[in-house]
């Protein structure tokens, strides 16, 4: 194997050691993309954020996450457990008690997510201003395009009615 080549199957980055956006390759077999898709979905982010506080039972998680179905929560927890981000502990009781908690790997992911949330909160005003400016430009461009279309329609109408007369 060439020096610098990843031995991990499905790793989609170039062999170069620098940053390369191709590591987020959209190909179906790309592990990096699959992991990013999994941890960046809205349900996973909420589960990870809630489990950072303490371990929770399934029903507690479902109660805390507005809009999630039982099926989707179960699926999300299975995926996060499979990826090593969440642990599942079953206690032998009647009925069985199951707790979910972040693993040490999940805790490190939560720290990364928290940094993103902090950045978002710090830049909310700038993002809102950029959205307003963009929407204004789009509205002006739409009006301008509508005006040009109306002018073309008027010219075409004149040509057609003048040619008939």
C-alpha atoms as a PDB file:
ATOM      1  CA  UNK A   1       0.000   0.000   0.000  1.00  0.00           C
ATOM      2  CA  UNK A   2       1.281   3.475  -0.831  1.00  0.00           C
ATOM      3  CA  UNK A   3       2.498   5.699   1.978  1.00  0.00           C
ATOM      4  CA  UNK A   4      -0.353   7.963   3.151  1.00  0.00           C
ATOM      5  CA  UNK A   5      -3.124   5.770   1.726  1.00  0.00           C
ATOM      6  CA  UNK A   6      -5.923   5.019   4.156  1.00  0.00           C
ATOM      7  CA  UNK A   7      -6.401   1.356   4.963  1.00  0.00           C
ATOM      8  CA  UNK A   8      -9.980   1.970   6.020  1.00  0.00           C
ATOM      9  CA  UNK A   9     -12.426   0.670   3.384  1.00  0.00           C
ATOM     10  CA  UNK A  10     -14.906   3.285   2.315  1.00  0.00           C
ATOM     11  CA  UNK A  11     -12.724   6.213   3.367  1.00  0.00           C
ATOM     12  CA  UNK A  12     -13.297   8.728   0.591  1.00  0.00           C
ATOM     13  CA  UNK A  13     -10.521  11.260   1.083  1.00  0.00           C
ATOM     14  CA  UNK A  14      -7.495  11.665  -1.118  1.00  0.00           C
ATOM     15  CA  UNK A  15      -4.214  10.208   0.133  1.00  0.00           C
ATOM     16  CA  UNK A  16      -2.979  13.746   0.785  1.00  0.00           C
ATOM     17  CA  UNK A  17      -2.753  14.639   4.476  1.00  0.00           C
ATOM     18  CA  UNK A  18      -4.289  18.118   3.997  1.00  0.00           C
ATOM     19  CA  UNK A  19      -7.965  18.986   4.323  1.00  0.00           C
ATOM     20  CA  UNK A  20     -10.024  17.862   1.364  1.00  0.00           C
ATOM     21  CA  UNK A  21     -13.752  18.304   0.945  1.00  0.00           C
ATOM     22  CA  UNK A  22     -13.891  15.029  -1.012  1.00  0.00           C
ATOM     23  CA  UNK A  23     -13.845  13.297   2.375  1.00  0.00           C
ATOM     24  CA  UNK A  24     -17.551  14.208   2.447  1.00  0.00           C
ATOM     25  CA  UNK A  25     -18.041  12.317  -0.780  1.00  0.00           C
ATOM     26  CA  UNK A  26     -21.690  11.544  -1.561  1.00  0.00           C
ATOM     27  CA  UNK A  27     -20.937   8.059  -2.903  1.00  0.00           C
ATOM     28  CA  UNK A  28     -23.019   5.382  -1.253  1.00  0.00           C
ATOM     29  CA  UNK A  29     -20.012   3.575   0.270  1.00  0.00           C
ATOM     30  CA  UNK A  30     -18.401   6.615   1.844  1.00  0.00           C
ATOM     31  CA  UNK A  31     -18.174   6.042   5.604  1.00  0.00           C
ATOM     32  CA  UNK A  32     -17.433   9.685   6.419  1.00  0.00           C
ATOM     33  CA  UNK A  33     -20.553  10.826   4.591  1.00  0.00           C
ATOM     34  CA  UNK A  34     -22.655   8.106   6.202  1.00  0.00           C
ATOM     35  CA  UNK A  35     -21.485   9.062   9.688  1.00  0.00           C
ATOM     36  CA  UNK A  36     -22.050  12.777   9.053  1.00  0.00           C
ATOM     37  CA  UNK A  37     -25.535  12.055   7.718  1.00  0.00           C
ATOM     38  CA  UNK A  38     -26.300   9.991  10.827  1.00  0.00           C
ATOM     39  CA  UNK A  39     -25.037  12.372  13.492  1.00  0.00           C
ATOM     40  CA  UNK A  40     -26.246  15.549  11.793  1.00  0.00           C
ATOM     41  CA  UNK A  41     -29.901  14.602  11.497  1.00  0.00           C
ATOM     42  CA  UNK A  42     -32.254  16.477  13.780  1.00  0.00           C
ATOM     43  CA  UNK A  43     -33.261  13.503  15.920  1.00  0.00           C
ATOM     44  CA  UNK A  44     -29.703  12.353  16.614  1.00  0.00           C
ATOM     45  CA  UNK A  45     -28.627  15.859  17.586  1.00  0.00           C
ATOM     46  CA  UNK A  46     -31.518  16.135  20.037  1.00  0.00           C
ATOM     47  CA  UNK A  47     -30.892  12.710  21.558  1.00  0.00           C
ATOM     48  CA  UNK A  48     -27.187  13.468  22.006  1.00  0.00           C
ATOM     49  CA  UNK A  49     -27.959  16.854  23.571  1.00  0.00           C
ATOM     50  CA  UNK A  50     -30.473  15.349  26.011  1.00  0.00           C
ATOM     51  CA  UNK A  51     -28.226  12.464  27.012  1.00  0.00           C
ATOM     52  CA  UNK A  52     -25.399  14.867  27.813  1.00  0.00           C
ATOM     53  CA  UNK A  53     -27.318  15.904  30.942  1.00  0.00           C
ATOM     54  CA  UNK A  54     -27.887  12.374  32.267  1.00  0.00           C
ATOM     55  CA  UNK A  55     -28.954   8.898  31.230  1.00  0.00           C
ATOM     56  CA  UNK A  56     -32.608   8.654  30.242  1.00  0.00           C
ATOM     57  CA  UNK A  57     -35.197   5.987  29.664  1.00  0.00           C
ATOM     58  CA  UNK A  58     -36.869   5.603  26.287  1.00  0.00           C
ATOM     59  CA  UNK A  59     -40.124   7.155  27.506  1.00  0.00           C
ATOM     60  CA  UNK A  60     -38.261  10.121  28.996  1.00  0.00           C
ATOM     61  CA  UNK A  61     -36.492  10.755  25.706  1.00  0.00           C
ATOM     62  CA  UNK A  62     -39.751  10.479  23.776  1.00  0.00           C
ATOM     63  CA  UNK A  63     -41.437  12.927  26.142  1.00  0.00           C
ATOM     64  CA  UNK A  64     -38.579  15.430  25.777  1.00  0.00           C
ATOM     65  CA  UNK A  65     -38.363  15.293  21.959  1.00  0.00           C
ATOM     66  CA  UNK A  66     -41.403  16.980  20.485  1.00  0.00           C
ATOM     67  CA  UNK A  67     -42.637  15.389  17.282  1.00  0.00           C
ATOM     68  CA  UNK A  68     -40.587  12.180  17.256  1.00  0.00           C
ATOM     69  CA  UNK A  69     -42.457   8.932  16.761  1.00  0.00           C
ATOM     70  CA  UNK A  70     -41.758   5.841  18.845  1.00  0.00           C
ATOM     71  CA  UNK A  71     -40.438   4.088  15.742  1.00  0.00           C
ATOM     72  CA  UNK A  72     -38.103   6.944  14.802  1.00  0.00           C
ATOM     73  CA  UNK A  73     -36.724   7.251  18.329  1.00  0.00           C
ATOM     74  CA  UNK A  74     -36.064   3.506  18.499  1.00  0.00           C
ATOM     75  CA  UNK A  75     -34.349   3.633  15.113  1.00  0.00           C
ATOM     76  CA  UNK A  76     -32.262   6.673  16.077  1.00  0.00           C
ATOM     77  CA  UNK A  77     -31.149   5.058  19.324  1.00  0.00           C
ATOM     78  CA  UNK A  78     -30.226   1.814  17.532  1.00  0.00           C
ATOM     79  CA  UNK A  79     -28.119   3.739  15.002  1.00  0.00           C
ATOM     80  CA  UNK A  80     -26.382   5.778  17.695  1.00  0.00           C
ATOM     81  CA  UNK A  81     -25.721   2.627  19.709  1.00  0.00           C
ATOM     82  CA  UNK A  82     -24.334   0.864  16.643  1.00  0.00           C
ATOM     83  CA  UNK A  83     -22.005   3.801  15.995  1.00  0.00           C
ATOM     84  CA  UNK A  84     -20.732   3.635  19.583  1.00  0.00           C
ATOM     85  CA  UNK A  85     -22.192   6.991  20.623  1.00  0.00           C
ATOM     86  CA  UNK A  86     -24.926   5.748  22.955  1.00  0.00           C
ATOM     87  CA  UNK A  87     -24.940   2.833  25.368  1.00  0.00           C
ATOM     88  CA  UNK A  88     -28.040   0.855  26.283  1.00  0.00           C
ATOM     89  CA  UNK A  89     -28.344  -0.730  29.717  1.00  0.00           C
ATOM     90  CA  UNK A  90     -31.128  -3.214  30.459  1.00  0.00           C
ATOM     91  CA  UNK A  91     -32.010  -3.766  34.125  1.00  0.00           C
ATOM     92  CA  UNK A  92     -33.675  -7.073  35.071  1.00  0.00           C
ATOM     93  CA  UNK A  93     -36.928  -5.839  36.501  1.00  0.00           C
ATOM     94  CA  UNK A  94     -40.612  -6.161  35.692  1.00  0.00           C
ATOM     95  CA  UNK A  95     -41.221  -4.403  33.412  1.00  0.00           C
ATOM     96  CA  UNK A  96     -37.636  -4.289  32.117  1.00  0.00           C
ATOM     97  CA  UNK A  97     -35.957  -0.940  32.608  1.00  0.00           C
ATOM     98  CA  UNK A  98     -33.717   0.327  29.804  1.00  0.00           C
ATOM     99  CA  UNK A  99     -31.485   3.374  30.182  1.00  0.00           C
ATOM    100  CA  UNK A 100     -29.628   5.174  27.441  1.00  0.00           C
ATOM    101  CA  UNK A 101     -26.460   7.193  28.038  1.00  0.00           C
ATOM    102  CA  UNK A 102     -23.706   8.793  26.018  1.00  0.00           C
ATOM    103  CA  UNK A 103     -20.534   6.774  25.676  1.00  0.00           C
ATOM    104  CA  UNK A 104     -17.172   8.534  26.058  1.00  0.00           C
ATOM    105  CA  UNK A 105     -17.148   8.862  22.258  1.00  0.00           C
ATOM    106  CA  UNK A 106     -20.637  10.378  22.382  1.00  0.00           C
ATOM    107  CA  UNK A 107     -19.474  12.883  25.002  1.00  0.00           C
ATOM    108  CA  UNK A 108     -16.718  14.088  22.660  1.00  0.00           C
ATOM    109  CA  UNK A 109     -19.291  14.464  19.876  1.00  0.00           C
ATOM    110  CA  UNK A 110     -21.531  16.494  22.168  1.00  0.00           C
ATOM    111  CA  UNK A 111     -18.644  18.885  22.824  1.00  0.00           C
ATOM    112  CA  UNK A 112     -18.288  19.372  19.059  1.00  0.00           C
ATOM    113  CA  UNK A 113     -22.022  19.915  18.637  1.00  0.00           C
ATOM    114  CA  UNK A 114     -21.995  22.402  21.513  1.00  0.00           C
ATOM    115  CA  UNK A 115     -19.248  24.376  19.745  1.00  0.00           C
ATOM    116  CA  UNK A 116     -21.445  24.555  16.639  1.00  0.00           C
ATOM    117  CA  UNK A 117     -24.434  25.713  18.699  1.00  0.00           C
ATOM    118  CA  UNK A 118     -22.269  28.356  20.397  1.00  0.00           C
ATOM    119  CA  UNK A 119     -21.063  29.595  16.987  1.00  0.00           C
ATOM    120  CA  UNK A 120     -24.663  29.725  15.731  1.00  0.00           C
ATOM    121  CA  UNK A 121     -25.824  31.713  18.749  1.00  0.00           C
ATOM    122  CA  UNK A 122     -22.911  34.150  18.395  1.00  0.00           C
ATOM    123  CA  UNK A 123     -23.643  34.736  14.710  1.00  0.00           C
ATOM    124  CA  UNK A 124     -27.454  34.706  14.648  1.00  0.00           C
ATOM    125  CA  UNK A 125     -27.722  38.473  14.084  1.00  0.00           C
ATOM    126  CA  UNK A 126     -25.251  38.402  11.185  1.00  0.00           C
ATOM    127  CA  UNK A 127     -27.043  35.469   9.593  1.00  0.00           C
ATOM    128  CA  UNK A 128     -30.422  37.188   9.996  1.00  0.00           C
ATOM    129  CA  UNK A 129     -29.050  40.381   8.401  1.00  0.00           C
ATOM    130  CA  UNK A 130     -27.577  38.389   5.514  1.00  0.00           C
ATOM    131  CA  UNK A 131     -30.938  36.674   4.961  1.00  0.00           C
ATOM    132  CA  UNK A 132     -32.782  40.013   4.913  1.00  0.00           C
ATOM    133  CA  UNK A 133     -30.270  41.474   2.428  1.00  0.00           C
ATOM    134  CA  UNK A 134     -30.507  38.381   0.228  1.00  0.00           C
ATOM    135  CA  UNK A 135     -34.317  38.410   0.281  1.00  0.00           C
ATOM    136  CA  UNK A 136     -34.322  42.111  -0.679  1.00  0.00           C
ATOM    137  CA  UNK A 137     -31.951  41.467  -3.597  1.00  0.00           C
ATOM    138  CA  UNK A 138     -34.087  38.552  -4.728  1.00  0.00           C
ATOM    139  CA  UNK A 139     -37.263  40.686  -4.549  1.00  0.00           C
ATOM    140  CA  UNK A 140     -35.628  43.480  -6.592  1.00  0.00           C
ATOM    141  CA  UNK A 141     -34.348  40.944  -9.135  1.00  0.00           C
ATOM    142  CA  UNK A 142     -37.824  39.382  -9.392  1.00  0.00           C
ATOM    143  CA  UNK A 143     -39.459  42.775  -9.930  1.00  0.00           C
ATOM    144  CA  UNK A 144     -36.848  43.662 -12.545  1.00  0.00           C
ATOM    145  CA  UNK A 145     -37.383  40.351 -14.348  1.00  0.00           C
ATOM    146  CA  UNK A 146     -41.170  40.845 -14.230  1.00  0.00           C
ATOM    147  CA  UNK A 147     -40.770  44.387 -15.645  1.00  0.00           C
ATOM    148  CA  UNK A 148     -38.562  43.151 -18.508  1.00  0.00           C
ATOM    149  CA  UNK A 149     -41.019  40.345 -19.274  1.00  0.00           C
ATOM    150  CA  UNK A 150     -43.909  42.827 -19.357  1.00  0.00           C
ATOM    151  CA  UNK A 151     -41.927  45.055 -21.753  1.00  0.00           C
ATOM    152  CA  UNK A 152     -41.214  42.078 -24.037  1.00  0.00           C
ATOM    153  CA  UNK A 153     -44.884  41.072 -23.912  1.00  0.00           C
ATOM    154  CA  UNK A 154     -45.932  44.625 -24.831  1.00  0.00           C
ATOM    155  CA  UNK A 155     -43.510  44.718 -27.783  1.00  0.00           C
ATOM    156  CA  UNK A 156     -44.686  41.304 -28.963  1.00  0.00           C
ATOM    157  CA  UNK A 157     -48.305  42.417 -28.656  1.00  0.00           C
ATOM    158  CA  UNK A 158     -47.573  45.569 -30.698  1.00  0.00           C
ATOM    159  CA  UNK A 159     -45.788  43.558 -33.369  1.00  0.00           C
ATOM    160  CA  UNK A 160     -48.595  41.013 -33.584  1.00  0.00           C
ATOM    161  CA  UNK A 161     -51.450  43.537 -33.611  1.00  0.00           C
ATOM    162  CA  UNK A 162     -49.548  45.840 -36.015  1.00  0.00           C
ATOM    163  CA  UNK A 163     -48.904  42.955 -38.404  1.00  0.00           C
ATOM    164  CA  UNK A 164     -52.594  41.996 -38.456  1.00  0.00           C
ATOM    165  CA  UNK A 165     -53.818  45.554 -39.052  1.00  0.00           C
END
